[in-house]
Amino acid sequence: DIDDYQCHDLYEYDASKAGTVESPFFGKRNYHNGLWCEYRIRAPEGYSIILLFLEFVVDPSSGCSQVQLVVFGKDKKSVLGRFCGYVLPKPILSNEVENDIRFLFRTDFIVSGKGFKVQ
């Protein structure tokens, strides 16, 4: 089923709330091949978003061109980070103007892995 390979999630938080965003099947089994997942985190106006990577295992083959997690600013115009591999990325802080962060997690059809968990 094609829906198994697509994910579009919106997370909205108030000023005091923290939560987690995970790749599909994180903690249960490896992520599927052929994923195209988009996530959006939105905070109240005037607030920043801090992303802390708790776990990160995303296959680095193909020089991160096929399997990667890309973090964008509000309108997908500014790239805040592009990640793959086994090293935990450094924290990402949005500015108050960009109280909205988007992720794109895409995978190839060859290798799968554990995935990621972000707080």
PDB file of N, CA and C in Angstrom:
ATOM      1  N   ASP A   1       0.843  -1.185   0.000  1.00  0.00           N
ATOM      2  CA  ASP A   1       0.000   0.000   0.000  1.00  0.00           C
ATOM      3  C   ASP A   1       0.884   1.244   0.000  1.00  0.00           C
ATOM      4  N   ILE A   2       0.632   2.159  -0.903  1.00  0.00           N
ATOM      5  CA  ILE A   2       1.452   3.365  -1.043  1.00  0.00           C
ATOM      6  C   ILE A   2       1.442   4.215   0.223  1.00  0.00           C
ATOM      7  N   ASP A   3       0.350   4.197   0.992  1.00  0.00           N
ATOM      8  CA  ASP A   3       0.283   4.998   2.214  1.00  0.00           C
ATOM      9  C   ASP A   3       1.302   4.559   3.255  1.00  0.00           C
ATOM     10  N   ASP A   4       1.775   3.313   3.181  1.00  0.00           N
ATOM     11  CA  ASP A   4       2.804   2.847   4.103  1.00  0.00           C
ATOM     12  C   ASP A   4       4.120   3.589   3.890  1.00  0.00           C
ATOM     13  N   TYR A   5       4.277   4.226   2.753  1.00  0.00           N
ATOM     14  CA  TYR A   5       5.540   4.867   2.412  1.00  0.00           C
ATOM     15  C   TYR A   5       5.447   6.391   2.387  1.00  0.00           C
ATOM     16  N   GLN A   6       4.342   6.916   2.816  1.00  0.00           N
ATOM     17  CA  GLN A   6       4.140   8.362   2.870  1.00  0.00           C
ATOM     18  C   GLN A   6       3.762   8.736   4.298  1.00  0.00           C
ATOM     19  N   CYS A   7       4.249   9.845   4.785  1.00  0.00           N
ATOM     20  CA  CYS A   7       3.815  10.320   6.096  1.00  0.00           C
ATOM     21  C   CYS A   7       3.855  11.843   6.086  1.00  0.00           C
ATOM     22  N   HIS A   8       2.822  12.418   6.602  1.00  0.00           N
ATOM     23  CA  HIS A   8       2.695  13.872   6.674  1.00  0.00           C
ATOM     24  C   HIS A   8       2.111  14.181   8.042  1.00  0.00           C
ATOM     25  N   ASP A   9       2.942  14.682   8.948  1.00  0.00           N
ATOM     26  CA  ASP A   9       2.505  14.908  10.317  1.00  0.00           C
ATOM     27  C   ASP A   9       2.741  16.350  10.725  1.00  0.00           C
ATOM     28  N   LEU A  10       1.787  16.894  11.477  1.00  0.00           N
ATOM     29  CA  LEU A  10       1.886  18.244  12.021  1.00  0.00           C
ATOM     30  C   LEU A  10       1.913  18.129  13.533  1.00  0.00           C
ATOM     31  N   TYR A  11       2.909  18.765  14.158  1.00  0.00           N
ATOM     32  CA  TYR A  11       3.014  18.804  15.606  1.00  0.00           C
ATOM     33  C   TYR A  11       2.911  20.260  16.025  1.00  0.00           C
ATOM     34  N   GLU A  12       1.945  20.587  16.882  1.00  0.00           N
ATOM     35  CA  GLU A  12       1.808  21.952  17.375  1.00  0.00           C
ATOM     36  C   GLU A  12       2.001  21.945  18.883  1.00  0.00           C
ATOM     37  N   TYR A  13       2.808  22.882  19.384  1.00  0.00           N
ATOM     38  CA  TYR A  13       3.122  22.928  20.803  1.00  0.00           C
ATOM     39  C   TYR A  13       2.866  24.316  21.357  1.00  0.00           C
ATOM     40  N   ASP A  14       2.475  24.369  22.649  1.00  0.00           N
ATOM     41  CA  ASP A  14       2.401  25.670  23.299  1.00  0.00           C
ATOM     42  C   ASP A  14       3.799  26.003  23.814  1.00  0.00           C
ATOM     43  N   ALA A  15       3.947  27.163  24.446  1.00  0.00           N
ATOM     44  CA  ALA A  15       5.270  27.673  24.806  1.00  0.00           C
ATOM     45  C   ALA A  15       6.027  26.777  25.781  1.00  0.00           C
ATOM     46  N   SER A  16       5.326  26.005  26.582  1.00  0.00           N
ATOM     47  CA  SER A  16       6.007  25.220  27.610  1.00  0.00           C
ATOM     48  C   SER A  16       6.143  23.747  27.250  1.00  0.00           C
ATOM     49  N   LYS A  17       5.684  23.353  26.109  1.00  0.00           N
ATOM     50  CA  LYS A  17       5.584  21.928  25.793  1.00  0.00           C
ATOM     51  C   LYS A  17       6.780  21.409  24.998  1.00  0.00           C
ATOM     52  N   ALA A  18       7.152  20.196  25.318  1.00  0.00           N
ATOM     53  CA  ALA A  18       8.174  19.487  24.557  1.00  0.00           C
ATOM     54  C   ALA A  18       7.556  18.186  24.066  1.00  0.00           C
ATOM     55  N   GLY A  19       8.088  17.664  23.005  1.00  0.00           N
ATOM     56  CA  GLY A  19       7.583  16.404  22.472  1.00  0.00           C
ATOM     57  C   GLY A  19       8.660  15.748  21.646  1.00  0.00           C
ATOM     58  N   THR A  20       8.324  14.637  21.021  1.00  0.00           N
ATOM     59  CA  THR A  20       9.295  13.945  20.186  1.00  0.00           C
ATOM     60  C   THR A  20       8.727  13.706  18.793  1.00  0.00           C
ATOM     61  N   VAL A  21       9.623  13.647  17.840  1.00  0.00           N
ATOM     62  CA  VAL A  21       9.301  13.292  16.462  1.00  0.00           C
ATOM     63  C   VAL A  21      10.210  12.119  16.121  1.00  0.00           C
ATOM     64  N   GLU A  22       9.631  11.077  15.541  1.00  0.00           N
ATOM     65  CA  GLU A  22      10.396   9.876  15.215  1.00  0.00           C
ATOM     66  C   GLU A  22      10.165   9.469  13.770  1.00  0.00           C
ATOM     67  N   SER A  23      11.152   8.806  13.214  1.00  0.00           N
ATOM     68  CA  SER A  23      10.965   8.208  11.891  1.00  0.00           C
ATOM     69  C   SER A  23       9.985   7.041  12.025  1.00  0.00           C
ATOM     70  N   PRO A  24       9.343   6.651  10.931  1.00  0.00           N
ATOM     71  CA  PRO A  24       8.384   5.546  10.986  1.00  0.00           C
ATOM     72  C   PRO A  24       9.003   4.269  11.565  1.00  0.00           C
ATOM     73  N   PHE A  25       8.270   3.627  12.452  1.00  0.00           N
ATOM     74  CA  PHE A  25       8.630   2.352  13.083  1.00  0.00           C
ATOM     75  C   PHE A  25       9.817   2.455  14.024  1.00  0.00           C
ATOM     76  N   PHE A  26      10.218   3.681  14.396  1.00  0.00           N
ATOM     77  CA  PHE A  26      11.374   3.848  15.276  1.00  0.00           C
ATOM     78  C   PHE A  26      11.139   3.084  16.582  1.00  0.00           C
ATOM     79  N   GLY A  27      12.148   2.321  16.997  1.00  0.00           N
ATOM     80  CA  GLY A  27      12.055   1.551  18.231  1.00  0.00           C
ATOM     81  C   GLY A  27      11.349   0.212  18.077  1.00  0.00           C
ATOM     82  N   LYS A  28      10.734  -0.009  16.920  1.00  0.00           N
ATOM     83  CA  LYS A  28      10.035  -1.278  16.671  1.00  0.00           C
ATOM     84  C   LYS A  28      10.780  -2.123  15.645  1.00  0.00           C
ATOM     85  N   ARG A  29      11.170  -1.471  14.554  1.00  0.00           N
ATOM     86  CA  ARG A  29      11.944  -2.134  13.502  1.00  0.00           C
ATOM     87  C   ARG A  29      12.563  -1.047  12.616  1.00  0.00           C
ATOM     88  N   ASN A  30      13.356  -1.447  11.662  1.00  0.00           N
ATOM     89  CA  ASN A  30      13.981  -0.483  10.753  1.00  0.00           C
ATOM     90  C   ASN A  30      12.936   0.213   9.889  1.00  0.00           C
ATOM     91  N   TYR A  31      13.257   1.436   9.478  1.00  0.00           N
ATOM     92  CA  TYR A  31      12.361   2.154   8.576  1.00  0.00           C
ATOM     93  C   TYR A  31      12.290   1.430   7.235  1.00  0.00           C
ATOM     94  N   HIS A  32      11.194   1.636   6.516  1.00  0.00           N
ATOM     95  CA  HIS A  32      10.983   1.021   5.202  1.00  0.00           C
ATOM     96  C   HIS A  32      11.861   1.671   4.141  1.00  0.00           C
ATOM     97  N   ASN A  33      12.055   0.968   3.070  1.00  0.00           N
ATOM     98  CA  ASN A  33      12.668   1.547   1.877  1.00  0.00           C
ATOM     99  C   ASN A  33      11.610   2.369   1.147  1.00  0.00           C
ATOM    100  N   GLY A  34      12.052   3.355   0.384  1.00  0.00           N
ATOM    101  CA  GLY A  34      11.144   4.140  -0.448  1.00  0.00           C
ATOM    102  C   GLY A  34      10.238   5.092   0.301  1.00  0.00           C
ATOM    103  N   LEU A  35      10.668   5.570   1.475  1.00  0.00           N
ATOM    104  CA  LEU A  35       9.843   6.512   2.240  1.00  0.00           C
ATOM    105  C   LEU A  35      10.005   7.937   1.730  1.00  0.00           C
ATOM    106  N   TRP A  36       8.957   8.704   1.847  1.00  0.00           N
ATOM    107  CA  TRP A  36       8.974  10.150   1.624  1.00  0.00           C
ATOM    108  C   TRP A  36       8.095  10.726   2.727  1.00  0.00           C
ATOM    109  N   CYS A  37       8.721  11.150   3.821  1.00  0.00           N
ATOM    110  CA  CYS A  37       7.973  11.594   5.001  1.00  0.00           C
ATOM    111  C   CYS A  37       8.233  13.066   5.269  1.00  0.00           C
ATOM    112  N   GLU A  38       7.162  13.802   5.485  1.00  0.00           N
ATOM    113  CA  GLU A  38       7.268  15.218   5.816  1.00  0.00           C
ATOM    114  C   GLU A  38       6.666  15.446   7.191  1.00  0.00           C
ATOM    115  N   TYR A  39       7.386  16.217   7.994  1.00  0.00           N
ATOM    116  CA  TYR A  39       6.934  16.554   9.339  1.00  0.00           C
ATOM    117  C   TYR A  39       6.967  18.069   9.477  1.00  0.00           C
ATOM    118  N   ARG A  40       6.092  18.588  10.308  1.00  0.00           N
ATOM    119  CA  ARG A  40       6.066  20.034  10.546  1.00  0.00           C
ATOM    120  C   ARG A  40       5.860  20.264  12.035  1.00  0.00           C
ATOM    121  N   ILE A  41       6.721  21.080  12.634  1.00  0.00           N
ATOM    122  CA  ILE A  41       6.600  21.450  14.039  1.00  0.00           C
ATOM    123  C   ILE A  41       6.316  22.941  14.084  1.00  0.00           C
ATOM    124  N   ARG A  42       5.272  23.307  14.821  1.00  0.00           N
ATOM    125  CA  ARG A  42       4.902  24.717  14.900  1.00  0.00           C
ATOM    126  C   ARG A  42       4.795  25.129  16.367  1.00  0.00           C
ATOM    127  N   ALA A  43       5.428  26.250  16.698  1.00  0.00           N
ATOM    128  CA  ALA A  43       5.358  26.833  18.039  1.00  0.00           C
ATOM    129  C   ALA A  43       4.545  28.126  17.954  1.00  0.00           C
ATOM    130  N   PRO A  44       4.116  28.668  19.093  1.00  0.00           N
ATOM    131  CA  PRO A  44       3.385  29.941  19.059  1.00  0.00           C
ATOM    132  C   PRO A  44       4.242  31.063  18.461  1.00  0.00           C
ATOM    133  N   GLU A  45       3.592  32.079  17.915  1.00  0.00           N
ATOM    134  CA  GLU A  45       4.300  33.247  17.362  1.00  0.00           C
ATOM    135  C   GLU A  45       5.260  33.813  18.402  1.00  0.00           C
ATOM    136  N   GLY A  46       6.456  34.186  17.952  1.00  0.00           N
ATOM    137  CA  GLY A  46       7.436  34.800  18.840  1.00  0.00           C
ATOM    138  C   GLY A  46       8.281  33.813  19.627  1.00  0.00           C
ATOM    139  N   TYR A  47       8.038  32.525  19.468  1.00  0.00           N
ATOM    140  CA  TYR A  47       8.808  31.508  20.173  1.00  0.00           C
ATOM    141  C   TYR A  47       9.716  30.759  19.202  1.00  0.00           C
ATOM    142  N   SER A  48      10.819  30.263  19.745  1.00  0.00           N
ATOM    143  CA  SER A  48      11.766  29.475  18.956  1.00  0.00           C
ATOM    144  C   SER A  48      11.509  27.995  19.170  1.00  0.00           C
ATOM    145  N   ILE A  49      12.072  27.198  18.309  1.00  0.00           N
ATOM    146  CA  ILE A  49      12.021  25.745  18.438  1.00  0.00           C
ATOM    147  C   ILE A  49      13.460  25.250  18.569  1.00  0.00           C
ATOM    148  N   ILE A  50      13.698  24.401  19.556  1.00  0.00           N
ATOM    149  CA  ILE A  50      15.006  23.777  19.734  1.00  0.00           C
ATOM    150  C   ILE A  50      14.855  22.295  19.422  1.00  0.00           C
ATOM    151  N   LEU A  51      15.643  21.809  18.500  1.00  0.00           N
ATOM    152  CA  LEU A  51      15.631  20.387  18.151  1.00  0.00           C
ATOM    153  C   LEU A  51      16.861  19.718  18.745  1.00  0.00           C
ATOM    154  N   LEU A  52      16.638  18.703  19.565  1.00  0.00           N
ATOM    155  CA  LEU A  52      17.721  17.916  20.138  1.00  0.00           C
ATOM    156  C   LEU A  52      17.613  16.500  19.580  1.00  0.00           C
ATOM    157  N   PHE A  53      18.645  16.042  18.932  1.00  0.00           N
ATOM    158  CA  PHE A  53      18.648  14.694  18.373  1.00  0.00           C
ATOM    159  C   PHE A  53      19.007  13.707  19.480  1.00  0.00           C
ATOM    160  N   LEU A  54      18.097  12.796  19.782  1.00  0.00           N
ATOM    161  CA  LEU A  54      18.312  11.800  20.828  1.00  0.00           C
ATOM    162  C   LEU A  54      18.946  10.531  20.266  1.00  0.00           C
ATOM    163  N   GLU A  55      18.526  10.133  19.077  1.00  0.00           N
ATOM    164  CA  GLU A  55      19.108   8.979  18.387  1.00  0.00           C
ATOM    165  C   GLU A  55      19.099   9.267  16.893  1.00  0.00           C
ATOM    166  N   PHE A  56      20.123   8.758  16.214  1.00  0.00           N
ATOM    167  CA  PHE A  56      20.214   9.024  14.782  1.00  0.00           C
ATOM    168  C   PHE A  56      21.017   7.926  14.099  1.00  0.00           C
ATOM    169  N   VAL A  57      20.339   7.089  13.320  1.00  0.00           N
ATOM    170  CA  VAL A  57      20.982   6.022  12.549  1.00  0.00           C
ATOM    171  C   VAL A  57      20.304   6.006  11.182  1.00  0.00           C
ATOM    172  N   VAL A  58      20.873   6.766  10.248  1.00  0.00           N
ATOM    173  CA  VAL A  58      20.308   6.901   8.903  1.00  0.00           C
ATOM    174  C   VAL A  58      21.410   6.556   7.906  1.00  0.00           C
ATOM    175  N   ASP A  59      21.188   5.541   7.112  1.00  0.00           N
ATOM    176  CA  ASP A  59      22.201   4.999   6.205  1.00  0.00           C
ATOM    177  C   ASP A  59      22.912   6.093   5.404  1.00  0.00           C
ATOM    178  N   PRO A  60      24.259   6.131   5.471  1.00  0.00           N
ATOM    179  CA  PRO A  60      25.005   7.181   4.769  1.00  0.00           C
ATOM    180  C   PRO A  60      25.434   6.826   3.350  1.00  0.00           C
ATOM    181  N   SER A  61      24.965   5.722   2.802  1.00  0.00           N
ATOM    182  CA  SER A  61      25.405   5.346   1.459  1.00  0.00           C
ATOM    183  C   SER A  61      25.000   6.408   0.442  1.00  0.00           C
ATOM    184  N   SER A  62      25.633   6.429  -0.661  1.00  0.00           N
ATOM    185  CA  SER A  62      25.392   7.403  -1.741  1.00  0.00           C
ATOM    186  C   SER A  62      25.696   8.828  -1.315  1.00  0.00           C
ATOM    187  N   GLY A  63      26.552   8.996  -0.310  1.00  0.00           N
ATOM    188  CA  GLY A  63      26.926  10.341   0.113  1.00  0.00           C
ATOM    189  C   GLY A  63      25.753  11.184   0.568  1.00  0.00           C
ATOM    190  N   CYS A  64      24.782  10.566   1.176  1.00  0.00           N
ATOM    191  CA  CYS A  64      23.575  11.236   1.695  1.00  0.00           C
ATOM    192  C   CYS A  64      22.679  11.784   0.591  1.00  0.00           C
ATOM    193  N   SER A  65      22.885  11.360  -0.630  1.00  0.00           N
ATOM    194  CA  SER A  65      22.043  11.898  -1.704  1.00  0.00           C
ATOM    195  C   SER A  65      20.707  11.173  -1.816  1.00  0.00           C
ATOM    196  N   GLN A  66      20.643   9.925  -1.373  1.00  0.00           N
ATOM    197  CA  GLN A  66      19.405   9.157  -1.501  1.00  0.00           C
ATOM    198  C   GLN A  66      18.653   9.009  -0.186  1.00  0.00           C
ATOM    199  N   VAL A  67      19.377   8.819   0.910  1.00  0.00           N
ATOM    200  CA  VAL A  67      18.766   8.647   2.227  1.00  0.00           C
ATOM    201  C   VAL A  67      19.218   9.816   3.078  1.00  0.00           C
ATOM    202  N   GLN A  68      18.260  10.605   3.560  1.00  0.00           N
ATOM    203  CA  GLN A  68      18.650  11.771   4.342  1.00  0.00           C
ATOM    204  C   GLN A  68      17.478  12.344   5.112  1.00  0.00           C
ATOM    205  N   LEU A  69      17.820  13.105   6.133  1.00  0.00           N
ATOM    206  CA  LEU A  69      16.859  13.917   6.861  1.00  0.00           C
ATOM    207  C   LEU A  69      17.254  15.363   6.590  1.00  0.00           C
ATOM    208  N   VAL A  70      16.343  16.132   6.027  1.00  0.00           N
ATOM    209  CA  VAL A  70      16.598  17.543   5.738  1.00  0.00           C
ATOM    210  C   VAL A  70      15.682  18.362   6.640  1.00  0.00           C
ATOM    211  N   VAL A  71      16.250  19.366   7.316  1.00  0.00           N
ATOM    212  CA  VAL A  71      15.479  20.239   8.197  1.00  0.00           C
ATOM    213  C   VAL A  71      15.417  21.613   7.548  1.00  0.00           C
ATOM    214  N   PHE A  72      14.194  22.104   7.357  1.00  0.00           N
ATOM    215  CA  PHE A  72      13.954  23.387   6.694  1.00  0.00           C
ATOM    216  C   PHE A  72      13.376  24.400   7.669  1.00  0.00           C
ATOM    217  N   GLY A  73      13.520  25.670   7.304  1.00  0.00           N
ATOM    218  CA  GLY A  73      12.815  26.731   8.001  1.00  0.00           C
ATOM    219  C   GLY A  73      11.360  26.758   7.565  1.00  0.00           C
ATOM    220  N   LYS A  74      10.678  27.797   7.939  1.00  0.00           N
ATOM    221  CA  LYS A  74       9.226  27.917   7.797  1.00  0.00           C
ATOM    222  C   LYS A  74       8.679  27.584   6.414  1.00  0.00           C
ATOM    223  N   ASP A  75       9.225  28.162   5.387  1.00  0.00           N
ATOM    224  CA  ASP A  75       8.657  27.996   4.046  1.00  0.00           C
ATOM    225  C   ASP A  75       9.483  27.081   3.150  1.00  0.00           C
ATOM    226  N   LYS A  76      10.293  26.251   3.737  1.00  0.00           N
ATOM    227  CA  LYS A  76      11.175  25.338   3.001  1.00  0.00           C
ATOM    228  C   LYS A  76      12.184  26.084   2.129  1.00  0.00           C
ATOM    229  N   LYS A  77      12.414  27.356   2.419  1.00  0.00           N
ATOM    230  CA  LYS A  77      13.383  28.123   1.633  1.00  0.00           C
ATOM    231  C   LYS A  77      14.776  28.030   2.235  1.00  0.00           C
ATOM    232  N   SER A  78      14.867  28.021   3.565  1.00  0.00           N
ATOM    233  CA  SER A  78      16.173  27.941   4.212  1.00  0.00           C
ATOM    234  C   SER A  78      16.397  26.526   4.740  1.00  0.00           C
ATOM    235  N   VAL A  79      17.535  25.942   4.390  1.00  0.00           N
ATOM    236  CA  VAL A  79      17.893  24.610   4.882  1.00  0.00           C
ATOM    237  C   VAL A  79      18.700  24.796   6.162  1.00  0.00           C
ATOM    238  N   LEU A  80      18.168  24.277   7.274  1.00  0.00           N
ATOM    239  CA  LEU A  80      18.838  24.395   8.566  1.00  0.00           C
ATOM    240  C   LEU A  80      19.808  23.243   8.803  1.00  0.00           C
ATOM    241  N   GLY A  81      19.643  22.165   8.059  1.00  0.00           N
ATOM    242  CA  GLY A  81      20.549  21.029   8.181  1.00  0.00           C
ATOM    243  C   GLY A  81      20.158  19.903   7.247  1.00  0.00           C
ATOM    244  N   ARG A  82      21.151  19.136   6.838  1.00  0.00           N
ATOM    245  CA  ARG A  82      20.949  17.966   5.973  1.00  0.00           C
ATOM    246  C   ARG A  82      21.812  16.860   6.583  1.00  0.00           C
ATOM    247  N   PHE A  83      21.179  15.742   6.977  1.00  0.00           N
ATOM    248  CA  PHE A  83      21.883  14.759   7.787  1.00  0.00           C
ATOM    249  C   PHE A  83      21.693  13.331   7.296  1.00  0.00           C
ATOM    250  N   CYS A  84      22.738  12.525   7.469  1.00  0.00           N
ATOM    251  CA  CYS A  84      22.672  11.071   7.338  1.00  0.00           C
ATOM    252  C   CYS A  84      23.871  10.532   8.094  1.00  0.00           C
ATOM    253  N   GLY A  85      23.911   9.222   8.283  1.00  0.00           N
ATOM    254  CA  GLY A  85      25.034   8.611   8.981  1.00  0.00           C
ATOM    255  C   GLY A  85      24.674   8.168  10.379  1.00  0.00           C
ATOM    256  N   TYR A  86      25.713   8.061  11.213  1.00  0.00           N
ATOM    257  CA  TYR A  86      25.537   7.491  12.542  1.00  0.00           C
ATOM    258  C   TYR A  86      25.941   8.446  13.658  1.00  0.00           C
ATOM    259  N   VAL A  87      26.324   9.663  13.316  1.00  0.00           N
ATOM    260  CA  VAL A  87      26.731  10.653  14.314  1.00  0.00           C
ATOM    261  C   VAL A  87      25.539  11.538  14.643  1.00  0.00           C
ATOM    262  N   LEU A  88      25.301  11.749  15.930  1.00  0.00           N
ATOM    263  CA  LEU A  88      24.194  12.601  16.367  1.00  0.00           C
ATOM    264  C   LEU A  88      24.412  14.032  15.876  1.00  0.00           C
ATOM    265  N   PRO A  89      23.477  14.588  15.115  1.00  0.00           N
ATOM    266  CA  PRO A  89      23.613  15.990  14.697  1.00  0.00           C
ATOM    267  C   PRO A  89      23.565  16.929  15.904  1.00  0.00           C
ATOM    268  N   LYS A  90      24.195  18.078  15.764  1.00  0.00           N
ATOM    269  CA  LYS A  90      24.153  19.099  16.816  1.00  0.00           C
ATOM    270  C   LYS A  90      22.734  19.656  16.917  1.00  0.00           C
ATOM    271  N   PRO A  91      22.371  20.219  18.082  1.00  0.00           N
ATOM    272  CA  PRO A  91      21.035  20.820  18.223  1.00  0.00           C
ATOM    273  C   PRO A  91      20.806  21.923  17.194  1.00  0.00           C
ATOM    274  N   ILE A  92      19.552  22.100  16.822  1.00  0.00           N
ATOM    275  CA  ILE A  92      19.158  23.141  15.870  1.00  0.00           C
ATOM    276  C   ILE A  92      18.202  24.079  16.578  1.00  0.00           C
ATOM    277  N   LEU A  93      18.444  25.383  16.446  1.00  0.00           N
ATOM    278  CA  LEU A  93      17.592  26.403  17.054  1.00  0.00           C
ATOM    279  C   LEU A  93      17.010  27.276  15.953  1.00  0.00           C
ATOM    280  N   SER A  94      15.686  27.378  15.932  1.00  0.00           N
ATOM    281  CA  SER A  94      15.050  28.288  14.970  1.00  0.00           C
ATOM    282  C   SER A  94      15.079  29.692  15.560  1.00  0.00           C
ATOM    283  N   ASN A  95      14.830  30.696  14.734  1.00  0.00           N
ATOM    284  CA  ASN A  95      14.691  32.043  15.285  1.00  0.00           C
ATOM    285  C   ASN A  95      13.211  32.333  15.514  1.00  0.00           C
ATOM    286  N   GLU A  96      12.915  33.433  16.205  1.00  0.00           N
ATOM    287  CA  GLU A  96      11.528  33.751  16.551  1.00  0.00           C
ATOM    288  C   GLU A  96      10.662  33.984  15.323  1.00  0.00           C
ATOM    289  N   VAL A  97      11.282  34.446  14.247  1.00  0.00           N
ATOM    290  CA  VAL A  97      10.536  34.688  13.016  1.00  0.00           C
ATOM    291  C   VAL A  97      10.099  33.359  12.401  1.00  0.00           C
ATOM    292  N   GLU A  98      10.934  32.345  12.547  1.00  0.00           N
ATOM    293  CA  GLU A  98      10.614  31.025  11.988  1.00  0.00           C
ATOM    294  C   GLU A  98      10.180  30.097  13.117  1.00  0.00           C
ATOM    295  N   ASN A  99       8.952  30.278  13.559  1.00  0.00           N
ATOM    296  CA  ASN A  99       8.420  29.441  14.634  1.00  0.00           C
ATOM    297  C   ASN A  99       7.859  28.133  14.072  1.00  0.00           C
ATOM    298  N   ASP A 100       8.291  27.786  12.909  1.00  0.00           N
ATOM    299  CA  ASP A 100       7.777  26.642  12.169  1.00  0.00           C
ATOM    300  C   ASP A 100       8.978  25.947  11.522  1.00  0.00           C
ATOM    301  N   ILE A 101       9.156  24.665  11.815  1.00  0.00           N
ATOM    302  CA  ILE A 101      10.259  23.899  11.233  1.00  0.00           C
ATOM    303  C   ILE A 101       9.671  22.696  10.514  1.00  0.00           C
ATOM    304  N   ARG A 102      10.248  22.368   9.370  1.00  0.00           N
ATOM    305  CA  ARG A 102       9.786  21.218   8.584  1.00  0.00           C
ATOM    306  C   ARG A 102      10.936  20.245   8.378  1.00  0.00           C
ATOM    307  N   PHE A 103      10.596  18.970   8.354  1.00  0.00           N
ATOM    308  CA  PHE A 103      11.553  17.905   8.102  1.00  0.00           C
ATOM    309  C   PHE A 103      11.132  17.183   6.835  1.00  0.00           C
ATOM    310  N   LEU A 104      12.091  16.712   6.104  1.00  0.00           N
ATOM    311  CA  LEU A 104      11.843  15.763   5.021  1.00  0.00           C
ATOM    312  C   LEU A 104      12.756  14.577   5.282  1.00  0.00           C
ATOM    313  N   PHE A 105      12.163  13.400   5.428  1.00  0.00           N
ATOM    314  CA  PHE A 105      12.928  12.171   5.615  1.00  0.00           C
ATOM    315  C   PHE A 105      12.644  11.285   4.423  1.00  0.00           C
ATOM    316  N   ARG A 106      13.674  10.998   3.644  1.00  0.00           N
ATOM    317  CA  ARG A 106      13.469  10.145   2.475  1.00  0.00           C
ATOM    318  C   ARG A 106      14.492   9.020   2.483  1.00  0.00           C
ATOM    319  N   THR A 107      14.053   7.877   1.963  1.00  0.00           N
ATOM    320  CA  THR A 107      14.920   6.706   1.944  1.00  0.00           C
ATOM    321  C   THR A 107      14.948   6.110   0.543  1.00  0.00           C
ATOM    322  N   ASP A 108      16.004   5.358   0.287  1.00  0.00           N
ATOM    323  CA  ASP A 108      16.124   4.710  -1.020  1.00  0.00           C
ATOM    324  C   ASP A 108      15.458   3.333  -0.982  1.00  0.00           C
ATOM    325  N   PHE A 109      15.694   2.543  -2.000  1.00  0.00           N
ATOM    326  CA  PHE A 109      15.092   1.213  -2.076  1.00  0.00           C
ATOM    327  C   PHE A 109      16.119   0.111  -1.816  1.00  0.00           C
ATOM    328  N   ILE A 110      17.258   0.476  -1.213  1.00  0.00           N
ATOM    329  CA  ILE A 110      18.329  -0.496  -1.034  1.00  0.00           C
ATOM    330  C   ILE A 110      18.545  -0.869   0.432  1.00  0.00           C
ATOM    331  N   VAL A 111      18.833   0.126   1.272  1.00  0.00           N
ATOM    332  CA  VAL A 111      19.211  -0.132   2.661  1.00  0.00           C
ATOM    333  C   VAL A 111      18.224   0.548   3.599  1.00  0.00           C
ATOM    334  N   SER A 112      17.926  -0.088   4.721  1.00  0.00           N
ATOM    335  CA  SER A 112      17.112   0.560   5.748  1.00  0.00           C
ATOM    336  C   SER A 112      17.934   0.640   7.027  1.00  0.00           C
ATOM    337  N   GLY A 113      17.421   1.341   8.022  1.00  0.00           N
ATOM    338  CA  GLY A 113      18.146   1.511   9.275  1.00  0.00           C
ATOM    339  C   GLY A 113      17.185   1.810  10.405  1.00  0.00           C
ATOM    340  N   LYS A 114      17.741   2.094  11.569  1.00  0.00           N
ATOM    341  CA  LYS A 114      16.938   2.349  12.767  1.00  0.00           C
ATOM    342  C   LYS A 114      16.116   3.623  12.644  1.00  0.00           C
ATOM    343  N   GLY A 115      16.727   4.699  12.117  1.00  0.00           N
ATOM    344  CA  GLY A 115      16.006   5.953  11.943  1.00  0.00           C
ATOM    345  C   GLY A 115      16.449   7.027  12.915  1.00  0.00           C
ATOM    346  N   PHE A 116      15.514   7.891  13.308  1.00  0.00           N
ATOM    347  CA  PHE A 116      15.867   9.013  14.173  1.00  0.00           C
ATOM    348  C   PHE A 116      14.771   9.290  15.199  1.00  0.00           C
ATOM    349  N   LYS A 117      15.203   9.957  16.266  1.00  0.00           N
ATOM    350  CA  LYS A 117      14.282  10.445  17.293  1.00  0.00           C
ATOM    351  C   LYS A 117      14.772  11.824  17.696  1.00  0.00           C
ATOM    352  N   VAL A 118      13.891  12.812  17.599  1.00  0.00           N
ATOM    353  CA  VAL A 118      14.223  14.206  17.888  1.00  0.00           C
ATOM    354  C   VAL A 118      13.279  14.711  18.966  1.00  0.00           C
ATOM    355  N   GLN A 119      13.815  15.503  19.889  1.00  0.00           N
ATOM    356  CA  GLN A 119      12.985  16.120  20.930  1.00  0.00           C
ATOM    357  C   GLN A 119      12.995  17.614  20.734  1.00  0.00           C
TER     358      GLN A 119
END
